[in-house]
Amino acid sequence: MNPLTTNPSNPPKASLGLGILPVVMMVLGVILCAIGALKSFHLDGGVDFGISWLLAFMFFLSIALGTLFLVLVHHLTDAGWSVGIRRFNEHIAALLFPQLALLFLPIALLAPKIYSWMTIDPATDNTVAAKLPVFTKPGFWIASAILFGIWWLLTSQLKRWSLKQDETGAAECTHKMRFYSGWGIVAFAITLTFSCILWMKSLQHEWYSAMYGVYFFASSAWVALATVYILTVWLKRRRVLAGVFPDGSFYFIGLLFFAFTLFQAYTEFAQYFVVWNANMPSETFWYLIRENGSWWWVSMVLIFGHFMIPFFILLPVAVKSNAKVVIPVCLWAWLMHALDLAFNILPAHHPEGFPLRWVWLQLGCFLFMGGFLTWSLAKNFAKHAPYPQRDPRLLEAMGVNLNVANDLAGSNPAEASR
């Protein structure tokens, strides 16, 4: 597929080439989730099913939010190298609505069982009273709806003007995407912070942390970059992005992946250091719970697996462009991110240690959501051109801008070198 020979009025189509894999994942996930839901509702009223579903939901939400951030930064910085990967990033970000909104419904329905503050009288608990009116059942549902509404508006408009750019190539499309990215980056920061606090941190509502939103942002960008690297390698080997994403551009994704490895570790350490230094019981209890039982070992795994292993592997310059090395690190990043979210979510209901007896249910939730979202992504990806057709920086992304400039100047590098 050569971008120089494509007709923007009849753009090329491509598929992710995953076959029936998403459907198989959904079927296996449904079976495990159904069995797990029956068992959980029988034993604990559905609590373990709810937190297992929440764990998988926050994992995929973080990837979608991370790719939305990459799209916003692409437009705000007017980047050239990321043109080729912009389209599938837009598709992943667009999963925020309606796909992830639909997947949120079980959490909304089981919220009174998942979040203990919903059953606490604000008159008897100042930590709940201080968060009114959001920390009420209607407040939780309304705030959640507002978050998905903002994400829908932002992702739908960015995608709409991106596809319109394929049709017309008008400068208005570029200006509109920059306009939405301008206010969108502010809305992104606010909604991401509010979502992780409302849906994840509030599992232990007494705890305070000024770093939590930054931590979740760094984690979302980190796992999104791992996902983008894998998808880019896959699509390039299928020759979908062969003409618009040179091999040298993998360095930029790898460099960002390395940078967010550092940044994510810094946010986690800074949060721990502030809590440790203040030494206030209203804050330290969160970490003290996570020193119980097997949670201590999980924290050790995260220290080495989430930071040290990826850091030292990605440190050499040449490695960042070497897919044979980076792809395993990206897959490892998925595992570490899921474990990190489990470290944040599960101790609220299992302070004694990691609930290994429910791992199969958690796996089922991951399989179902992963299959459903991958199926939706593949379906949307196949409907449109796999990369922007008339982006003003498309030639730069292809690495031919120098030749074009020389031709416009009336010279030919090949002839000049003779």
Protein backbone atom coordinates (compact mmCIF):
# COMPACT_ATOMS: atom_id res chain seq x y z
CA MET A 1 0.00 0.00 0.00
CA ASN A 2 1.81 3.13 -1.23
CA PRO A 3 0.44 6.42 0.17
CA LEU A 4 1.75 8.32 -2.85
CA THR A 5 -0.53 6.39 -5.16
CA THR A 6 -3.71 6.29 -3.10
CA ASN A 7 -6.78 8.30 -4.02
CA PRO A 8 -8.10 10.25 -1.00
CA SER A 9 -11.60 10.26 -2.49
CA ASN A 10 -11.49 6.46 -2.43
CA PRO A 11 -9.18 5.74 0.52
CA PRO A 12 -7.63 2.31 1.03
CA LYS A 13 -9.14 0.00 3.59
CA ALA A 14 -7.30 -2.44 5.81
CA SER A 15 -8.06 -4.86 8.61
CA LEU A 16 -6.29 -5.60 11.86
CA GLY A 17 -5.98 -9.20 10.73
CA LEU A 18 -7.04 -10.74 14.04
CA GLY A 19 -9.61 -13.13 12.59
CA ILE A 20 -11.91 -14.73 15.15
CA LEU A 21 -9.57 -14.12 18.09
CA PRO A 22 -11.74 -11.33 19.62
CA VAL A 23 -14.84 -13.54 19.39
CA VAL A 24 -13.04 -16.45 21.05
CA MET A 25 -11.93 -14.11 23.85
CA MET A 26 -15.49 -12.88 24.33
CA VAL A 27 -16.94 -16.39 24.47
CA LEU A 28 -14.37 -17.61 27.01
CA GLY A 29 -14.82 -14.40 28.99
CA VAL A 30 -18.60 -14.71 29.08
CA ILE A 31 -18.38 -18.28 30.38
CA LEU A 32 -15.93 -17.39 33.16
CA CYS A 33 -17.82 -14.21 34.07
CA ALA A 34 -21.16 -16.01 34.21
CA ILE A 35 -19.81 -18.72 36.51
CA GLY A 36 -17.98 -16.14 38.59
CA ALA A 37 -21.04 -13.91 38.92
CA LEU A 38 -23.19 -16.81 40.13
CA LYS A 39 -20.59 -17.87 42.66
CA SER A 40 -19.89 -14.30 43.82
CA PHE A 41 -23.55 -13.39 44.28
CA HIS A 42 -24.02 -16.59 46.26
CA LEU A 43 -21.02 -16.00 48.56
CA ASP A 44 -20.76 -12.23 49.01
CA GLY A 45 -23.67 -10.61 47.21
CA GLY A 46 -21.63 -9.90 44.07
CA VAL A 47 -18.79 -7.93 45.67
CA ASP A 48 -15.96 -9.97 44.16
CA PHE A 49 -17.59 -9.96 40.75
CA GLY A 50 -17.95 -6.18 41.00
CA ILE A 51 -14.34 -5.48 41.95
CA SER A 52 -13.04 -7.97 39.36
CA TRP A 53 -15.11 -6.19 36.71
CA LEU A 54 -13.84 -2.83 37.99
CA LEU A 55 -10.24 -4.02 37.77
CA ALA A 56 -10.59 -5.01 34.10
CA PHE A 57 -12.58 -1.87 33.32
CA MET A 58 -9.92 0.47 34.75
CA PHE A 59 -7.25 -1.39 32.76
CA PHE A 60 -8.93 -0.79 29.42
CA LEU A 61 -10.11 2.67 30.40
CA SER A 62 -6.50 3.65 31.07
CA ILE A 63 -5.46 2.50 27.58
CA ALA A 64 -8.26 4.48 25.92
CA LEU A 65 -7.45 7.60 27.95
CA GLY A 66 -3.75 7.17 27.20
CA THR A 67 -4.34 7.06 23.45
CA LEU A 68 -6.63 10.10 23.72
CA PHE A 69 -3.70 11.93 25.35
CA LEU A 70 -1.42 10.91 22.45
CA VAL A 71 -3.92 12.26 19.91
CA LEU A 72 -4.24 15.55 21.80
CA VAL A 73 -0.47 15.95 22.06
CA HIS A 74 -0.09 15.12 18.36
CA HIS A 75 -2.30 18.07 17.40
CA LEU A 76 -0.97 20.47 20.02
CA THR A 77 2.65 19.90 19.02
CA ASP A 78 1.93 19.62 15.29
CA ALA A 79 4.02 16.45 15.25
CA GLY A 80 4.99 14.85 11.97
CA TRP A 81 6.31 11.43 12.95
CA SER A 82 3.03 10.40 14.63
CA VAL A 83 0.76 11.05 11.61
CA GLY A 84 0.86 7.41 10.56
CA ILE A 85 -0.34 6.11 13.94
CA ARG A 86 -2.90 8.84 14.57
CA ARG A 87 -5.86 7.05 13.01
CA PHE A 88 -5.81 3.89 15.13
CA ASN A 89 -5.15 6.02 18.21
CA GLU A 90 -8.34 7.91 17.36
CA HIS A 91 -10.22 4.63 17.05
CA ILE A 92 -8.97 3.38 20.43
CA ALA A 93 -9.79 6.68 22.13
CA ALA A 94 -13.28 6.58 20.58
CA LEU A 95 -13.92 3.36 22.52
CA LEU A 96 -14.56 5.58 25.53
CA PHE A 97 -18.09 5.98 24.21
CA PRO A 98 -20.22 3.99 23.80
CA GLN A 99 -18.22 0.79 24.33
CA LEU A 100 -16.58 1.59 27.67
CA ALA A 101 -19.70 3.44 28.81
CA LEU A 102 -21.67 0.22 28.30
CA LEU A 103 -19.01 -1.78 30.14
CA PHE A 104 -19.37 0.65 33.05
CA LEU A 105 -23.02 -0.28 33.63
CA PRO A 106 -22.30 -3.31 35.87
CA ILE A 107 -20.13 -1.05 38.05
CA ALA A 108 -22.90 1.53 38.26
CA LEU A 109 -25.42 -1.14 39.24
CA LEU A 110 -23.15 -2.81 41.80
CA ALA A 111 -21.77 0.48 43.16
CA PRO A 112 -23.56 0.19 46.55
CA LYS A 113 -21.80 -3.15 47.10
CA ILE A 114 -18.41 -2.04 45.78
CA TYR A 115 -18.11 1.37 47.45
CA SER A 116 -18.57 1.31 51.24
CA TRP A 117 -19.26 5.06 51.46
CA MET A 118 -22.60 4.55 49.71
CA THR A 119 -23.92 2.81 52.82
CA ILE A 120 -22.50 5.33 55.31
CA ASP A 121 -24.58 8.15 56.78
CA PRO A 122 -22.73 11.44 56.04
CA ALA A 123 -23.86 12.74 59.43
CA THR A 124 -21.66 10.12 61.10
CA ASP A 125 -18.62 10.37 58.83
CA ASN A 126 -16.90 13.66 58.01
CA THR A 127 -14.87 12.09 55.18
CA VAL A 128 -18.11 11.35 53.35
CA ALA A 129 -19.81 14.61 54.28
CA ALA A 130 -16.85 16.59 52.93
CA LYS A 131 -17.39 15.04 49.49
CA LEU A 132 -21.09 15.75 49.13
CA PRO A 133 -23.00 15.93 46.84
CA VAL A 134 -20.78 13.71 44.64
CA PHE A 135 -20.53 10.99 47.28
CA THR A 136 -24.17 10.04 47.02
CA LYS A 137 -25.75 7.45 44.76
CA PRO A 138 -27.30 10.04 42.39
CA GLY A 139 -24.10 12.08 42.55
CA PHE A 140 -22.00 9.06 41.58
CA TRP A 141 -24.20 8.22 38.60
CA ILE A 142 -24.54 11.84 37.42
CA ALA A 143 -20.81 12.52 37.72
CA SER A 144 -20.03 9.31 35.82
CA ALA A 145 -22.45 10.27 33.05
CA ILE A 146 -20.83 13.71 32.78
CA LEU A 147 -17.38 12.14 32.43
CA PHE A 148 -18.49 9.87 29.59
CA GLY A 149 -20.33 12.79 27.98
CA ILE A 150 -17.18 14.92 27.87
CA TRP A 151 -15.13 12.04 26.49
CA TRP A 152 -17.77 11.37 23.84
CA LEU A 153 -17.79 15.00 22.74
CA LEU A 154 -14.02 15.22 22.56
CA THR A 155 -13.29 11.90 20.84
CA SER A 156 -16.20 12.10 18.41
CA GLN A 157 -15.23 15.58 17.22
CA LEU A 158 -11.55 14.73 16.85
CA LYS A 159 -12.45 11.65 14.84
CA ARG A 160 -15.11 13.46 12.80
CA TRP A 161 -12.73 16.21 11.64
CA SER A 162 -9.97 13.68 11.04
CA LEU A 163 -12.17 11.70 8.65
CA LYS A 164 -13.40 14.89 7.02
CA GLN A 165 -9.77 15.84 6.42
CA ASP A 166 -9.45 12.64 4.38
CA GLU A 167 -12.30 13.82 2.16
CA THR A 168 -11.49 17.50 1.67
CA GLY A 169 -7.97 18.13 2.89
CA ALA A 170 -9.19 21.59 3.99
CA ALA A 171 -7.14 23.60 6.46
CA GLU A 172 -10.31 24.02 8.51
CA CYS A 173 -10.09 20.38 9.55
CA THR A 174 -6.59 20.85 10.97
CA HIS A 175 -7.68 24.02 12.76
CA LYS A 176 -10.73 22.30 14.25
CA MET A 177 -8.67 19.38 15.57
CA ARG A 178 -6.24 21.82 17.13
CA PHE A 179 -9.15 23.77 18.65
CA TYR A 180 -10.64 20.67 20.25
CA SER A 181 -7.19 19.60 21.44
CA GLY A 182 -6.65 23.03 23.00
CA TRP A 183 -9.54 22.86 25.44
CA GLY A 184 -9.52 19.08 25.32
CA ILE A 185 -6.16 18.74 27.07
CA VAL A 186 -7.58 20.68 30.04
CA ALA A 187 -10.80 18.66 30.02
CA PHE A 188 -8.72 15.49 29.72
CA ALA A 189 -6.68 16.33 32.82
CA ILE A 190 -9.79 17.13 34.86
CA THR A 191 -11.88 14.14 33.77
CA LEU A 192 -9.03 11.63 34.07
CA THR A 193 -8.27 12.82 37.59
CA PHE A 194 -11.93 12.82 38.61
CA SER A 195 -12.57 9.37 37.13
CA CYS A 196 -9.70 7.62 38.91
CA ILE A 197 -10.65 9.27 42.21
CA LEU A 198 -14.36 8.52 41.86
CA TRP A 199 -14.06 4.95 40.57
CA MET A 200 -10.82 3.67 42.09
CA LYS A 201 -9.45 5.80 44.93
CA SER A 202 -12.88 6.15 46.59
CA LEU A 203 -12.84 2.42 47.34
CA GLN A 204 -11.09 3.62 50.49
CA HIS A 205 -12.70 7.02 50.76
CA GLU A 206 -10.93 8.03 53.97
CA TRP A 207 -7.58 8.22 52.18
CA TYR A 208 -6.13 11.43 50.75
CA SER A 209 -3.53 11.79 48.00
CA ALA A 210 -2.72 14.85 45.93
CA MET A 211 -0.65 12.69 43.54
CA TYR A 212 -3.31 10.15 42.61
CA GLY A 213 -4.51 11.84 39.43
CA VAL A 214 -0.94 12.33 38.19
CA TYR A 215 -0.13 8.72 39.04
CA PHE A 216 -3.08 7.42 37.02
CA PHE A 217 -2.23 9.72 34.11
CA ALA A 218 1.36 8.45 34.02
CA SER A 219 0.16 4.84 34.21
CA SER A 220 -2.39 5.41 31.43
CA ALA A 221 0.14 7.00 29.09
CA TRP A 222 2.67 4.24 29.89
CA VAL A 223 0.37 1.32 29.09
CA ALA A 224 -1.06 3.17 26.06
CA LEU A 225 2.43 3.61 24.60
CA ALA A 226 3.08 -0.11 25.11
CA THR A 227 -0.15 -0.87 23.25
CA VAL A 228 0.66 1.60 20.47
CA TYR A 229 4.12 0.09 19.97
CA ILE A 230 2.66 -3.42 19.60
CA LEU A 231 -0.07 -2.29 17.21
CA THR A 232 2.34 -0.26 15.11
CA VAL A 233 4.71 -3.20 14.71
CA TRP A 234 1.77 -5.49 13.85
CA LEU A 235 0.31 -3.12 11.25
CA LYS A 236 3.67 -2.35 9.73
CA ARG A 237 4.49 -6.04 9.30
CA ARG A 238 1.12 -6.44 7.62
CA ARG A 239 2.25 -3.59 5.34
CA VAL A 240 -0.68 -1.41 6.40
CA LEU A 241 1.61 1.36 7.66
CA ALA A 242 4.64 0.41 5.59
CA GLY A 243 4.71 3.67 3.64
CA VAL A 244 3.77 6.16 6.34
CA PHE A 245 5.79 5.01 9.35
CA PRO A 246 9.53 4.58 8.71
CA ASP A 247 11.48 2.18 10.90
CA GLY A 248 13.34 5.09 12.47
CA SER A 249 10.11 6.46 13.93
CA PHE A 250 9.85 3.52 16.32
CA TYR A 251 12.52 5.30 18.32
CA PHE A 252 10.06 8.07 19.21
CA ILE A 253 7.48 5.64 20.62
CA GLY A 254 10.21 3.76 22.46
CA LEU A 255 11.63 6.99 23.85
CA LEU A 256 8.23 8.09 25.16
CA PHE A 257 7.67 4.61 26.59
CA PHE A 258 10.99 4.88 28.41
CA ALA A 259 10.22 8.42 29.61
CA PHE A 260 6.87 7.41 31.08
CA THR A 261 8.51 4.40 32.73
CA LEU A 262 10.52 6.94 34.72
CA PHE A 263 7.64 9.35 35.24
CA GLN A 264 5.24 6.67 36.46
CA ALA A 265 7.80 5.37 38.95
CA TYR A 266 8.42 8.92 40.15
CA THR A 267 4.72 9.57 40.81
CA GLU A 268 4.37 6.35 42.81
CA PHE A 269 7.49 7.09 44.83
CA ALA A 270 6.50 10.73 45.39
CA GLN A 271 3.08 9.66 46.66
CA TYR A 272 4.62 7.15 49.05
CA PHE A 273 7.29 9.61 50.22
CA VAL A 274 4.76 12.35 51.00
CA VAL A 275 2.57 9.94 53.00
CA TRP A 276 5.58 8.46 54.83
CA ASN A 277 7.03 11.89 55.61
CA ALA A 278 3.73 13.28 56.95
CA ASN A 279 3.15 10.09 59.00
CA MET A 280 -0.55 10.80 59.52
CA PRO A 281 -2.77 7.78 60.39
CA SER A 282 -5.48 9.07 58.03
CA GLU A 283 -3.01 8.56 55.17
CA THR A 284 -0.59 5.83 56.24
CA PHE A 285 -3.34 3.24 56.74
CA TRP A 286 -3.60 2.85 52.94
CA TYR A 287 -0.01 1.61 52.72
CA LEU A 288 -0.13 -0.33 55.99
CA ILE A 289 -2.95 -2.47 54.58
CA ARG A 290 -0.79 -3.16 51.54
CA GLU A 291 1.99 -4.53 53.72
CA ASN A 292 -0.24 -7.36 54.93
CA GLY A 293 0.06 -10.92 53.67
CA SER A 294 0.87 -11.35 50.02
CA TRP A 295 0.35 -7.64 49.27
CA TRP A 296 3.88 -6.98 50.52
CA TRP A 297 5.22 -9.38 47.90
CA VAL A 298 3.06 -7.73 45.24
CA SER A 299 4.61 -4.37 46.15
CA MET A 300 8.09 -5.86 45.75
CA VAL A 301 7.16 -7.27 42.35
CA LEU A 302 5.92 -3.83 41.30
CA ILE A 303 9.10 -2.09 42.42
CA PHE A 304 11.30 -4.36 40.33
CA GLY A 305 8.89 -5.39 37.57
CA HIS A 306 7.09 -2.10 36.98
CA PHE A 307 10.19 0.08 37.03
CA MET A 308 13.63 -1.52 37.26
CA ILE A 309 13.27 -4.24 34.64
CA PRO A 310 11.73 -2.00 31.92
CA PHE A 311 14.10 0.86 32.84
CA PHE A 312 17.33 -1.05 32.39
CA ILE A 313 16.13 -2.89 29.28
CA LEU A 314 14.97 0.31 27.54
CA LEU A 315 17.96 2.42 28.64
CA PRO A 316 20.22 1.81 25.59
CA VAL A 317 19.42 4.09 22.64
CA ALA A 318 19.43 1.36 20.01
CA VAL A 319 17.01 -0.86 21.96
CA LYS A 320 14.13 1.60 21.63
CA SER A 321 13.86 0.84 17.89
CA ASN A 322 14.39 -2.92 18.28
CA ALA A 323 10.95 -4.54 18.21
CA LYS A 324 12.36 -7.93 19.24
CA VAL A 325 13.37 -6.40 22.56
CA VAL A 326 10.63 -3.81 23.08
CA ILE A 327 7.62 -6.01 22.27
CA PRO A 328 8.28 -8.38 25.22
CA VAL A 329 8.69 -5.32 27.45
CA CYS A 330 5.34 -3.99 26.19
CA LEU A 331 3.63 -7.29 26.98
CA TRP A 332 5.30 -7.23 30.39
CA ALA A 333 3.98 -3.67 30.85
CA TRP A 334 0.42 -4.95 30.35
CA LEU A 335 0.93 -7.49 33.13
CA MET A 336 2.58 -4.98 35.49
CA HIS A 337 -0.11 -2.37 34.87
CA ALA A 338 -2.84 -4.90 35.64
CA LEU A 339 -1.00 -5.92 38.81
CA ASP A 340 -0.56 -2.26 39.80
CA LEU A 341 -4.29 -1.63 39.40
CA ALA A 342 -5.00 -4.76 41.45
CA PHE A 343 -2.69 -3.33 44.15
CA ASN A 344 -4.85 -0.20 44.18
CA ILE A 345 -8.29 -1.82 43.93
CA LEU A 346 -8.40 -5.25 45.55
CA PRO A 347 -7.05 -4.55 49.09
CA ALA A 348 -10.17 -2.50 49.83
CA HIS A 349 -12.11 -5.79 50.04
CA HIS A 350 -9.20 -8.22 50.52
CA PRO A 351 -6.79 -6.63 53.02
CA GLU A 352 -5.45 -10.05 53.97
CA GLY A 353 -3.69 -10.60 50.64
CA PHE A 354 -4.17 -11.08 46.91
CA PRO A 355 -7.36 -13.12 46.32
CA LEU A 356 -5.86 -15.92 44.24
CA ARG A 357 -9.10 -17.90 44.43
CA TRP A 358 -10.74 -15.26 42.19
CA VAL A 359 -7.99 -14.98 39.57
CA TRP A 360 -10.02 -16.98 37.07
CA LEU A 361 -12.92 -14.52 37.43
CA GLN A 362 -10.58 -11.57 36.94
CA LEU A 363 -9.16 -13.31 33.87
CA GLY A 364 -12.69 -13.80 32.54
CA CYS A 365 -13.45 -10.09 32.91
CA PHE A 366 -10.23 -9.20 31.09
CA LEU A 367 -10.95 -11.68 28.30
CA PHE A 368 -14.51 -10.49 27.75
CA MET A 369 -13.70 -6.77 27.79
CA GLY A 370 -10.54 -7.25 25.75
CA GLY A 371 -12.39 -9.30 23.16
CA PHE A 372 -15.33 -6.91 22.96
CA LEU A 373 -13.15 -3.80 22.67
CA THR A 374 -10.78 -5.44 20.18
CA TRP A 375 -13.74 -6.56 18.07
CA SER A 376 -15.14 -3.01 18.12
CA LEU A 377 -11.74 -1.56 17.25
CA ALA A 378 -11.25 -3.97 14.35
CA LYS A 379 -14.73 -3.19 13.03
CA ASN A 380 -14.17 0.57 13.11
CA PHE A 381 -10.63 0.28 11.76
CA ALA A 382 -11.84 -1.59 8.69
CA LYS A 383 -14.41 1.12 7.81
CA HIS A 384 -11.91 3.88 7.15
CA ALA A 385 -8.45 4.51 5.76
CA PRO A 386 -5.82 3.11 8.15
CA TYR A 387 -3.93 6.41 8.24
CA PRO A 388 -4.75 10.07 7.51
CA GLN A 389 -4.90 10.65 3.76
CA ARG A 390 -4.52 14.42 3.53
CA ASP A 391 -2.75 15.43 6.69
CA PRO A 392 -0.44 18.40 5.93
CA ARG A 393 2.46 16.51 7.53
CA LEU A 394 1.88 13.20 5.75
CA LEU A 395 4.92 13.61 3.50
CA GLU A 396 7.04 14.43 6.51
CA ALA A 397 5.79 11.31 8.24
CA MET A 398 6.80 9.29 5.18
CA GLY A 399 10.29 10.76 5.27
CA VAL A 400 10.10 12.27 1.76
CA ASN A 401 9.78 15.94 2.69
CA LEU A 402 13.45 16.59 1.93
CA ASN A 403 13.12 15.26 -1.61
CA VAL A 404 9.95 17.28 -2.15
CA ALA A 405 11.69 20.43 -0.94
CA ASN A 406 14.62 19.80 -3.27
CA ASP A 407 12.33 19.18 -6.22
CA LEU A 408 10.49 22.43 -5.51
CA ALA A 409 13.84 24.22 -5.42
CA GLY A 410 14.70 22.83 -8.83
CA SER A 411 17.38 20.36 -7.77
CA ASN A 412 17.56 16.62 -7.50
CA PRO A 413 19.68 15.04 -4.73
CA ALA A 414 20.46 12.03 -6.91
CA GLU A 415 21.81 14.22 -9.70
CA ALA A 416 23.60 16.53 -7.29
CA SER A 417 25.55 13.60 -5.84
CA ARG A 418 26.92 12.53 -9.22
